[in-house]
Amino acid sequence: MQIAYQLNDTALGNKFVNNIDKFLVDQLDYNAYLLKDDMNRVNQRDVQISMQVLNGMAEYAKTAKQTAISNKLEAQLKDYATKFAPIIGQQ
């Protein structure tokens, strides 16, 4: 996605971001569901990596002036940071 944005192919960059975002949201939602029942069932590594990737994609989109996508990703990141506050930093 970063290369697509650097080559000014915003359509391709956005397509990559949206596809990856769907996967990450799926993973994070599943772990948030697990968190409700038992904090120890959450895969903290997956949560951390997913949030790092979301953050990176938000930055790439922002740099490419894809404000709507960047804002969406930043809002998701903020929401998940709140949801996973009980486990973030416990590694």
N, C-alpha and C. Protein backbone atom coordinates (compact mmCIF):
# COMPACT_ATOMS: atom_id res chain seq x y z
N MET A 1 0.81 -1.18 0.00
CA MET A 1 0.00 0.00 0.00
C MET A 1 0.86 1.25 0.00
N GLN A 2 1.93 1.25 0.78
CA GLN A 2 2.79 2.42 0.85
C GLN A 2 3.37 2.73 -0.52
N ILE A 3 3.80 1.70 -1.23
CA ILE A 3 4.38 1.91 -2.55
C ILE A 3 3.32 2.42 -3.52
N ALA A 4 2.12 1.88 -3.43
CA ALA A 4 1.03 2.36 -4.29
C ALA A 4 0.80 3.85 -4.05
N TYR A 5 0.75 4.24 -2.80
CA TYR A 5 0.57 5.66 -2.49
C TYR A 5 1.75 6.49 -3.00
N GLN A 6 2.96 5.98 -2.83
CA GLN A 6 4.14 6.71 -3.30
C GLN A 6 4.14 6.88 -4.82
N LEU A 7 3.53 5.91 -5.51
CA LEU A 7 3.44 5.98 -6.97
C LEU A 7 2.19 6.73 -7.42
N ASN A 8 1.52 7.36 -6.47
CA ASN A 8 0.30 8.13 -6.73
C ASN A 8 -0.84 7.29 -7.28
N ASP A 9 -0.83 6.01 -6.97
CA ASP A 9 -1.96 5.13 -7.33
C ASP A 9 -2.83 5.01 -6.08
N THR A 10 -3.59 6.08 -5.80
CA THR A 10 -4.38 6.10 -4.57
C THR A 10 -5.49 5.06 -4.59
N ALA A 11 -6.03 4.75 -5.75
CA ALA A 11 -7.08 3.73 -5.83
C ALA A 11 -6.55 2.38 -5.36
N LEU A 12 -5.38 2.01 -5.82
CA LEU A 12 -4.78 0.74 -5.42
C LEU A 12 -4.39 0.77 -3.95
N GLY A 13 -3.80 1.88 -3.50
CA GLY A 13 -3.45 2.03 -2.09
C GLY A 13 -4.67 1.91 -1.20
N ASN A 14 -5.75 2.57 -1.58
CA ASN A 14 -6.98 2.51 -0.80
C ASN A 14 -7.58 1.10 -0.78
N LYS A 15 -7.46 0.41 -1.91
CA LYS A 15 -7.96 -0.97 -1.99
C LYS A 15 -7.19 -1.86 -1.01
N PHE A 16 -5.87 -1.73 -0.99
CA PHE A 16 -5.06 -2.49 -0.05
C PHE A 16 -5.44 -2.17 1.40
N VAL A 17 -5.55 -0.89 1.70
CA VAL A 17 -5.89 -0.46 3.06
C VAL A 17 -7.24 -1.03 3.48
N ASN A 18 -8.23 -0.93 2.62
CA ASN A 18 -9.57 -1.42 2.98
C ASN A 18 -9.59 -2.93 3.18
N ASN A 19 -8.87 -3.68 2.34
CA ASN A 19 -8.83 -5.13 2.50
C ASN A 19 -8.11 -5.54 3.78
N ILE A 20 -6.99 -4.91 4.05
CA ILE A 20 -6.25 -5.22 5.28
C ILE A 20 -7.06 -4.80 6.50
N ASP A 21 -7.72 -3.65 6.40
CA ASP A 21 -8.54 -3.16 7.51
C ASP A 21 -9.65 -4.16 7.86
N LYS A 22 -10.31 -4.72 6.85
CA LYS A 22 -11.36 -5.71 7.11
C LYS A 22 -10.82 -6.89 7.91
N PHE A 23 -9.65 -7.37 7.53
CA PHE A 23 -9.05 -8.49 8.24
C PHE A 23 -8.70 -8.12 9.68
N LEU A 24 -8.07 -6.97 9.86
CA LEU A 24 -7.66 -6.53 11.19
C LEU A 24 -8.85 -6.30 12.10
N VAL A 25 -9.89 -5.68 11.58
CA VAL A 25 -11.09 -5.42 12.37
C VAL A 25 -11.71 -6.75 12.81
N ASP A 26 -11.70 -7.72 11.92
CA ASP A 26 -12.20 -9.05 12.26
C ASP A 26 -11.42 -9.64 13.44
N GLN A 27 -10.11 -9.56 13.37
CA GLN A 27 -9.25 -10.09 14.43
C GLN A 27 -9.45 -9.34 15.74
N LEU A 28 -9.49 -8.02 15.66
CA LEU A 28 -9.64 -7.22 16.87
C LEU A 28 -11.03 -7.40 17.49
N ASP A 29 -12.06 -7.48 16.67
CA ASP A 29 -13.40 -7.70 17.20
C ASP A 29 -13.49 -9.06 17.90
N TYR A 30 -12.87 -10.07 17.31
CA TYR A 30 -12.88 -11.40 17.93
C TYR A 30 -12.18 -11.35 19.29
N ASN A 31 -11.02 -10.70 19.36
CA ASN A 31 -10.30 -10.60 20.63
C ASN A 31 -11.05 -9.74 21.63
N ALA A 32 -11.76 -8.72 21.17
CA ALA A 32 -12.57 -7.90 22.08
C ALA A 32 -13.70 -8.74 22.65
N TYR A 33 -14.27 -9.61 21.84
CA TYR A 33 -15.31 -10.53 22.30
C TYR A 33 -14.74 -11.45 23.39
N LEU A 34 -13.55 -11.99 23.14
CA LEU A 34 -12.91 -12.86 24.13
C LEU A 34 -12.61 -12.11 25.42
N LEU A 35 -12.24 -10.86 25.30
CA LEU A 35 -11.89 -10.05 26.46
C LEU A 35 -13.06 -9.91 27.42
N LYS A 36 -14.27 -9.88 26.88
CA LYS A 36 -15.46 -9.73 27.73
C LYS A 36 -15.60 -10.91 28.69
N ASP A 37 -15.21 -12.11 28.23
CA ASP A 37 -15.36 -13.32 29.06
C ASP A 37 -14.16 -13.59 29.94
N ASP A 38 -12.97 -13.49 29.36
CA ASP A 38 -11.77 -13.86 30.11
C ASP A 38 -10.55 -13.18 29.49
N MET A 39 -9.95 -12.29 30.23
CA MET A 39 -8.80 -11.52 29.77
C MET A 39 -7.66 -12.43 29.29
N ASN A 40 -7.55 -13.61 29.88
CA ASN A 40 -6.45 -14.52 29.56
C ASN A 40 -6.63 -15.23 28.22
N ARG A 41 -7.82 -15.17 27.64
CA ARG A 41 -8.06 -15.81 26.34
C ARG A 41 -7.65 -14.93 25.17
N VAL A 42 -7.42 -13.67 25.42
CA VAL A 42 -7.08 -12.72 24.36
C VAL A 42 -5.64 -12.98 23.89
N ASN A 43 -5.47 -12.98 22.58
CA ASN A 43 -4.13 -13.11 22.02
C ASN A 43 -3.52 -11.71 21.97
N GLN A 44 -2.76 -11.37 23.00
CA GLN A 44 -2.23 -10.01 23.13
C GLN A 44 -1.29 -9.65 21.98
N ARG A 45 -0.55 -10.64 21.49
CA ARG A 45 0.37 -10.39 20.38
C ARG A 45 -0.42 -9.96 19.14
N ASP A 46 -1.51 -10.68 18.83
CA ASP A 46 -2.33 -10.33 17.67
C ASP A 46 -2.93 -8.93 17.83
N VAL A 47 -3.37 -8.61 19.03
CA VAL A 47 -3.94 -7.29 19.29
C VAL A 47 -2.89 -6.21 19.05
N GLN A 48 -1.71 -6.41 19.61
CA GLN A 48 -0.64 -5.42 19.47
C GLN A 48 -0.24 -5.23 18.01
N ILE A 49 -0.04 -6.33 17.30
CA ILE A 49 0.36 -6.23 15.90
C ILE A 49 -0.74 -5.58 15.06
N SER A 50 -1.97 -5.97 15.29
CA SER A 50 -3.09 -5.38 14.53
C SER A 50 -3.18 -3.88 14.75
N MET A 51 -3.00 -3.46 15.98
CA MET A 51 -3.07 -2.03 16.27
C MET A 51 -1.89 -1.27 15.66
N GLN A 52 -0.73 -1.90 15.65
CA GLN A 52 0.43 -1.27 15.02
C GLN A 52 0.22 -1.12 13.52
N VAL A 53 -0.35 -2.14 12.89
CA VAL A 53 -0.61 -2.08 11.46
C VAL A 53 -1.67 -1.02 11.16
N LEU A 54 -2.73 -0.97 11.97
CA LEU A 54 -3.74 0.08 11.79
C LEU A 54 -3.11 1.47 11.88
N ASN A 55 -2.25 1.65 12.86
CA ASN A 55 -1.58 2.94 13.03
C ASN A 55 -0.71 3.27 11.81
N GLY A 56 0.03 2.30 11.33
CA GLY A 56 0.88 2.52 10.15
C GLY A 56 0.05 2.86 8.92
N MET A 57 -1.04 2.14 8.73
CA MET A 57 -1.90 2.43 7.57
C MET A 57 -2.51 3.82 7.68
N ALA A 58 -2.89 4.23 8.89
CA ALA A 58 -3.44 5.58 9.07
C ALA A 58 -2.41 6.63 8.69
N GLU A 59 -1.16 6.40 9.07
CA GLU A 59 -0.09 7.34 8.73
C GLU A 59 0.16 7.38 7.23
N TYR A 60 0.21 6.21 6.58
CA TYR A 60 0.41 6.17 5.13
C TYR A 60 -0.72 6.88 4.40
N ALA A 61 -1.95 6.63 4.85
CA ALA A 61 -3.11 7.27 4.21
C ALA A 61 -3.07 8.78 4.41
N LYS A 62 -2.67 9.20 5.60
CA LYS A 62 -2.59 10.64 5.88
C LYS A 62 -1.53 11.30 5.00
N THR A 63 -0.39 10.65 4.87
CA THR A 63 0.69 11.17 4.03
C THR A 63 0.25 11.27 2.57
N ALA A 64 -0.58 10.31 2.15
CA ALA A 64 -1.07 10.30 0.77
C ALA A 64 -2.30 11.20 0.59
N LYS A 65 -2.62 11.96 1.64
CA LYS A 65 -3.75 12.89 1.61
C LYS A 65 -5.09 12.17 1.39
N GLN A 66 -5.18 10.97 1.95
CA GLN A 66 -6.43 10.20 1.93
C GLN A 66 -7.09 10.38 3.29
N THR A 67 -7.58 11.59 3.51
CA THR A 67 -8.06 12.02 4.81
C THR A 67 -9.20 11.17 5.35
N ALA A 68 -10.16 10.83 4.53
CA ALA A 68 -11.32 10.05 5.00
C ALA A 68 -10.87 8.69 5.52
N ILE A 69 -10.01 8.03 4.78
CA ILE A 69 -9.53 6.71 5.21
C ILE A 69 -8.66 6.86 6.46
N SER A 70 -7.80 7.85 6.47
CA SER A 70 -6.94 8.07 7.63
C SER A 70 -7.77 8.34 8.88
N ASN A 71 -8.78 9.17 8.76
CA ASN A 71 -9.66 9.48 9.91
C ASN A 71 -10.40 8.24 10.39
N LYS A 72 -10.86 7.42 9.44
CA LYS A 72 -11.56 6.18 9.79
C LYS A 72 -10.63 5.26 10.58
N LEU A 73 -9.41 5.09 10.10
CA LEU A 73 -8.46 4.21 10.77
C LEU A 73 -8.06 4.74 12.14
N GLU A 74 -7.88 6.05 12.25
CA GLU A 74 -7.54 6.64 13.54
C GLU A 74 -8.68 6.48 14.54
N ALA A 75 -9.91 6.59 14.07
CA ALA A 75 -11.07 6.39 14.96
C ALA A 75 -11.13 4.93 15.42
N GLN A 76 -10.88 4.01 14.52
CA GLN A 76 -10.85 2.60 14.89
C GLN A 76 -9.76 2.34 15.92
N LEU A 77 -8.61 2.90 15.68
CA LEU A 77 -7.48 2.72 16.59
C LEU A 77 -7.81 3.23 17.98
N LYS A 78 -8.43 4.39 18.05
CA LYS A 78 -8.82 4.97 19.34
C LYS A 78 -9.84 4.07 20.04
N ASP A 79 -10.81 3.58 19.28
CA ASP A 79 -11.84 2.70 19.83
C ASP A 79 -11.22 1.42 20.39
N TYR A 80 -10.32 0.81 19.63
CA TYR A 80 -9.69 -0.44 20.11
C TYR A 80 -8.74 -0.19 21.26
N ALA A 81 -8.10 0.96 21.28
CA ALA A 81 -7.22 1.29 22.41
C ALA A 81 -8.04 1.35 23.70
N THR A 82 -9.26 1.88 23.60
CA THR A 82 -10.15 1.93 24.76
C THR A 82 -10.61 0.52 25.14
N LYS A 83 -11.01 -0.27 24.15
CA LYS A 83 -11.48 -1.63 24.43
C LYS A 83 -10.40 -2.50 25.07
N PHE A 84 -9.16 -2.34 24.60
CA PHE A 84 -8.09 -3.20 25.06
C PHE A 84 -7.22 -2.55 26.15
N ALA A 85 -7.69 -1.45 26.71
CA ALA A 85 -6.94 -0.77 27.77
C ALA A 85 -6.57 -1.71 28.93
N PRO A 86 -7.45 -2.64 29.31
CA PRO A 86 -7.10 -3.53 30.43
C PRO A 86 -5.89 -4.43 30.16
N ILE A 87 -5.59 -4.70 28.88
CA ILE A 87 -4.48 -5.60 28.61
C ILE A 87 -3.27 -4.95 27.95
N ILE A 88 -3.45 -3.76 27.42
CA ILE A 88 -2.33 -3.09 26.75
C ILE A 88 -1.24 -2.80 27.78
N GLY A 89 -0.04 -3.20 27.44
CA GLY A 89 1.09 -2.95 28.35
C GLY A 89 1.32 -4.04 29.36
N GLN A 90 0.55 -5.13 29.32
CA GLN A 90 0.75 -6.21 30.28
C GLN A 90 1.69 -7.29 29.76
N GLN A 91 2.35 -7.07 28.66
CA GLN A 91 3.15 -8.12 28.06
C GLN A 91 4.49 -8.24 28.69
